[in-house]
C-alpha atoms as a PDB file:
ATOM      1  CA  UNK A   1       2.950 -21.221 -15.734  1.00  0.00           C
ATOM      2  CA  UNK A   2       0.123 -19.316 -14.081  1.00  0.00           C
ATOM      3  CA  UNK A   3      -1.986 -17.038 -16.248  1.00  0.00           C
ATOM      4  CA  UNK A   4      -3.198 -15.074 -13.244  1.00  0.00           C
ATOM      5  CA  UNK A   5      -1.498 -12.171 -11.509  1.00  0.00           C
ATOM      6  CA  UNK A   6      -1.015 -11.847  -7.762  1.00  0.00           C
ATOM      7  CA  UNK A   7      -2.628  -8.660  -6.463  1.00  0.00           C
ATOM      8  CA  UNK A   8      -2.035  -7.029  -3.082  1.00  0.00           C
ATOM      9  CA  UNK A   9      -3.695  -4.285  -1.080  1.00  0.00           C
ATOM     10  CA  UNK A  10      -1.339  -1.765  -2.699  1.00  0.00           C
ATOM     11  CA  UNK A  11      -2.027  -2.875  -6.302  1.00  0.00           C
ATOM     12  CA  UNK A  12      -5.740  -3.788  -6.063  1.00  0.00           C
ATOM     13  CA  UNK A  13      -7.031  -0.380  -7.196  1.00  0.00           C
ATOM     14  CA  UNK A  14      -4.872  -0.220 -10.310  1.00  0.00           C
ATOM     15  CA  UNK A  15      -5.119  -3.901 -11.250  1.00  0.00           C
ATOM     16  CA  UNK A  16      -8.821  -4.484 -10.510  1.00  0.00           C
ATOM     17  CA  UNK A  17     -10.914  -1.365  -9.997  1.00  0.00           C
ATOM     18  CA  UNK A  18      -9.279   0.638 -12.806  1.00  0.00           C
ATOM     19  CA  UNK A  19      -9.033  -2.246 -15.281  1.00  0.00           C
ATOM     20  CA  UNK A  20     -10.578  -1.627 -18.702  1.00  0.00           C
ATOM     21  CA  UNK A  21     -11.662  -5.286 -18.907  1.00  0.00           C
ATOM     22  CA  UNK A  22     -13.652  -7.295 -16.350  1.00  0.00           C
ATOM     23  CA  UNK A  23     -11.528  -8.855 -13.605  1.00  0.00           C
ATOM     24  CA  UNK A  24     -12.210 -12.058 -11.675  1.00  0.00           C
ATOM     25  CA  UNK A  25     -10.502 -11.858  -8.282  1.00  0.00           C
ATOM     26  CA  UNK A  26      -9.715 -15.226  -6.725  1.00  0.00           C
ATOM     27  CA  UNK A  27      -9.484 -14.858  -2.939  1.00  0.00           C
ATOM     28  CA  UNK A  28      -7.422 -17.852  -1.808  1.00  0.00           C
ATOM     29  CA  UNK A  29      -4.813 -19.158   0.658  1.00  0.00           C
ATOM     30  CA  UNK A  30      -1.926 -21.596   0.234  1.00  0.00           C
ATOM     31  CA  UNK A  31      -3.320 -23.950   2.914  1.00  0.00           C
ATOM     32  CA  UNK A  32      -6.745 -24.193   1.218  1.00  0.00           C
ATOM     33  CA  UNK A  33      -7.131 -27.441  -0.737  1.00  0.00           C
ATOM     34  CA  UNK A  34     -10.230 -26.359  -2.703  1.00  0.00           C
ATOM     35  CA  UNK A  35      -8.387 -23.130  -3.613  1.00  0.00           C
ATOM     36  CA  UNK A  36      -5.536 -25.162  -5.081  1.00  0.00           C
ATOM     37  CA  UNK A  37      -8.065 -27.273  -7.008  1.00  0.00           C
ATOM     38  CA  UNK A  38      -9.743 -24.244  -8.596  1.00  0.00           C
ATOM     39  CA  UNK A  39      -6.429 -22.532  -9.516  1.00  0.00           C
ATOM     40  CA  UNK A  40      -5.744 -24.522 -12.714  1.00  0.00           C
ATOM     41  CA  UNK A  41      -9.378 -24.054 -13.814  1.00  0.00           C
ATOM     42  CA  UNK A  42      -9.040 -20.275 -13.464  1.00  0.00           C
ATOM     43  CA  UNK A  43      -5.706 -20.339 -15.315  1.00  0.00           C
ATOM     44  CA  UNK A  44      -7.413 -22.177 -18.183  1.00  0.00           C
ATOM     45  CA  UNK A  45     -10.295 -19.668 -18.288  1.00  0.00           C
ATOM     46  CA  UNK A  46      -7.782 -16.786 -18.205  1.00  0.00           C
ATOM     47  CA  UNK A  47      -5.969 -18.169 -21.241  1.00  0.00           C
ATOM     48  CA  UNK A  48      -9.190 -18.844 -23.153  1.00  0.00           C
ATOM     49  CA  UNK A  49     -10.626 -15.387 -22.368  1.00  0.00           C
ATOM     50  CA  UNK A  50      -7.430 -13.389 -22.844  1.00  0.00           C
ATOM     51  CA  UNK A  51      -8.273  -9.783 -23.719  1.00  0.00           C
ATOM     52  CA  UNK A  52     -11.881 -10.178 -22.485  1.00  0.00           C
ATOM     53  CA  UNK A  53     -11.301 -11.121 -18.846  1.00  0.00           C
ATOM     54  CA  UNK A  54      -8.379 -10.821 -16.434  1.00  0.00           C
ATOM     55  CA  UNK A  55      -7.958 -13.187 -13.523  1.00  0.00           C
ATOM     56  CA  UNK A  56      -5.997 -12.109 -10.466  1.00  0.00           C
ATOM     57  CA  UNK A  57      -5.351 -13.755  -7.115  1.00  0.00           C
ATOM     58  CA  UNK A  58      -5.486 -12.240  -3.633  1.00  0.00           C
ATOM     59  CA  UNK A  59      -3.880 -14.236  -0.826  1.00  0.00           C
ATOM     60  CA  UNK A  60      -6.253 -13.685   2.116  1.00  0.00           C
ATOM     61  CA  UNK A  61      -3.527 -14.360   4.694  1.00  0.00           C
ATOM     62  CA  UNK A  62      -1.264 -11.679   3.219  1.00  0.00           C
ATOM     63  CA  UNK A  63      -4.037  -9.146   2.500  1.00  0.00           C
ATOM     64  CA  UNK A  64      -6.419  -9.135   5.485  1.00  0.00           C
ATOM     65  CA  UNK A  65      -7.756  -5.623   4.766  1.00  0.00           C
ATOM     66  CA  UNK A  66      -8.946  -6.633   1.289  1.00  0.00           C
ATOM     67  CA  UNK A  67     -10.502  -9.791   2.690  1.00  0.00           C
ATOM     68  CA  UNK A  68     -12.406  -7.749   5.277  1.00  0.00           C
ATOM     69  CA  UNK A  69     -13.370  -5.018   2.804  1.00  0.00           C
ATOM     70  CA  UNK A  70     -14.933  -7.538   0.415  1.00  0.00           C
ATOM     71  CA  UNK A  71     -16.499  -9.634   3.189  1.00  0.00           C
ATOM     72  CA  UNK A  72     -14.587 -12.826   2.462  1.00  0.00           C
ATOM     73  CA  UNK A  73     -15.802 -15.362   5.028  1.00  0.00           C
ATOM     74  CA  UNK A  74     -14.960 -18.582   3.213  1.00  0.00           C
ATOM     75  CA  UNK A  75     -12.538 -19.464   0.456  1.00  0.00           C
ATOM     76  CA  UNK A  76     -12.192 -19.982  -2.380  1.00  0.00           C
ATOM     77  CA  UNK A  77     -14.276 -16.927  -3.144  1.00  0.00           C
ATOM     78  CA  UNK A  78     -14.234 -15.332  -6.562  1.00  0.00           C
ATOM     79  CA  UNK A  79     -15.583 -11.859  -7.131  1.00  0.00           C
ATOM     80  CA  UNK A  80     -15.986 -10.327 -10.555  1.00  0.00           C
ATOM     81  CA  UNK A  81     -15.442  -6.593 -11.007  1.00  0.00           C
ATOM     82  CA  UNK A  82     -16.432  -4.531 -14.012  1.00  0.00           C
ATOM     83  CA  UNK A  83     -15.918  -0.772 -14.345  1.00  0.00           C
ATOM     84  CA  UNK A  84     -14.731  -0.610 -10.734  1.00  0.00           C
ATOM     85  CA  UNK A  85     -17.800  -2.315  -9.249  1.00  0.00           C
ATOM     86  CA  UNK A  86     -18.430  -5.845  -8.010  1.00  0.00           C
ATOM     87  CA  UNK A  87     -20.919  -7.502 -10.381  1.00  0.00           C
ATOM     88  CA  UNK A  88     -21.049 -11.090  -9.126  1.00  0.00           C
ATOM     89  CA  UNK A  89     -19.428 -13.568  -6.790  1.00  0.00           C
ATOM     90  CA  UNK A  90     -18.798 -17.299  -6.935  1.00  0.00           C
ATOM     91  CA  UNK A  91     -18.276 -19.048  -3.596  1.00  0.00           C
ATOM     92  CA  UNK A  92     -16.519 -22.379  -3.210  1.00  0.00           C
ATOM     93  CA  UNK A  93     -14.623 -24.613  -5.590  1.00  0.00           C
ATOM     94  CA  UNK A  94     -16.724 -24.934  -8.733  1.00  0.00           C
ATOM     95  CA  UNK A  95     -16.235 -26.888 -11.942  1.00  0.00           C
ATOM     96  CA  UNK A  96     -15.167 -24.895 -14.992  1.00  0.00           C
ATOM     97  CA  UNK A  97     -18.676 -24.991 -16.513  1.00  0.00           C
ATOM     98  CA  UNK A  98     -20.229 -23.433 -13.388  1.00  0.00           C
ATOM     99  CA  UNK A  99     -17.690 -20.603 -13.319  1.00  0.00           C
ATOM    100  CA  UNK A 100     -18.193 -19.970 -17.042  1.00  0.00           C
ATOM    101  CA  UNK A 101     -22.000 -20.000 -16.592  1.00  0.00           C
ATOM    102  CA  UNK A 102     -21.741 -17.368 -13.849  1.00  0.00           C
ATOM    103  CA  UNK A 103     -19.551 -15.215 -16.106  1.00  0.00           C
ATOM    104  CA  UNK A 104     -21.901 -15.679 -19.064  1.00  0.00           C
ATOM    105  CA  UNK A 105     -24.910 -14.693 -16.926  1.00  0.00           C
ATOM    106  CA  UNK A 106     -23.222 -11.329 -16.346  1.00  0.00           C
ATOM    107  CA  UNK A 107     -22.305 -10.941 -20.022  1.00  0.00           C
ATOM    108  CA  UNK A 108     -18.600 -11.098 -19.139  1.00  0.00           C
ATOM    109  CA  UNK A 109     -17.731 -13.892 -21.589  1.00  0.00           C
END
């Protein structure tokens, strides 16, 4: 079972920008092998950080406006939002420790 929520162009504002906890947005596509590799890692982080961090997924093929708005040029791309603003981004498939380090550097976890 996936711990992350699928977000679309119509739900992005409410789910991400208006969230009262930091949100990691995973920009991905079904055909992207590295995206599929990072998915279980993000699910694990979501479970471990429940209540402190939300993780949502945006399918770039189904949500081209969001991809353009946030300048997604390669995937997987993870952007972290806090209080409605982008605070950091993580590009490419990363091991769990690297993702956690990036989140710790921002004081997210």
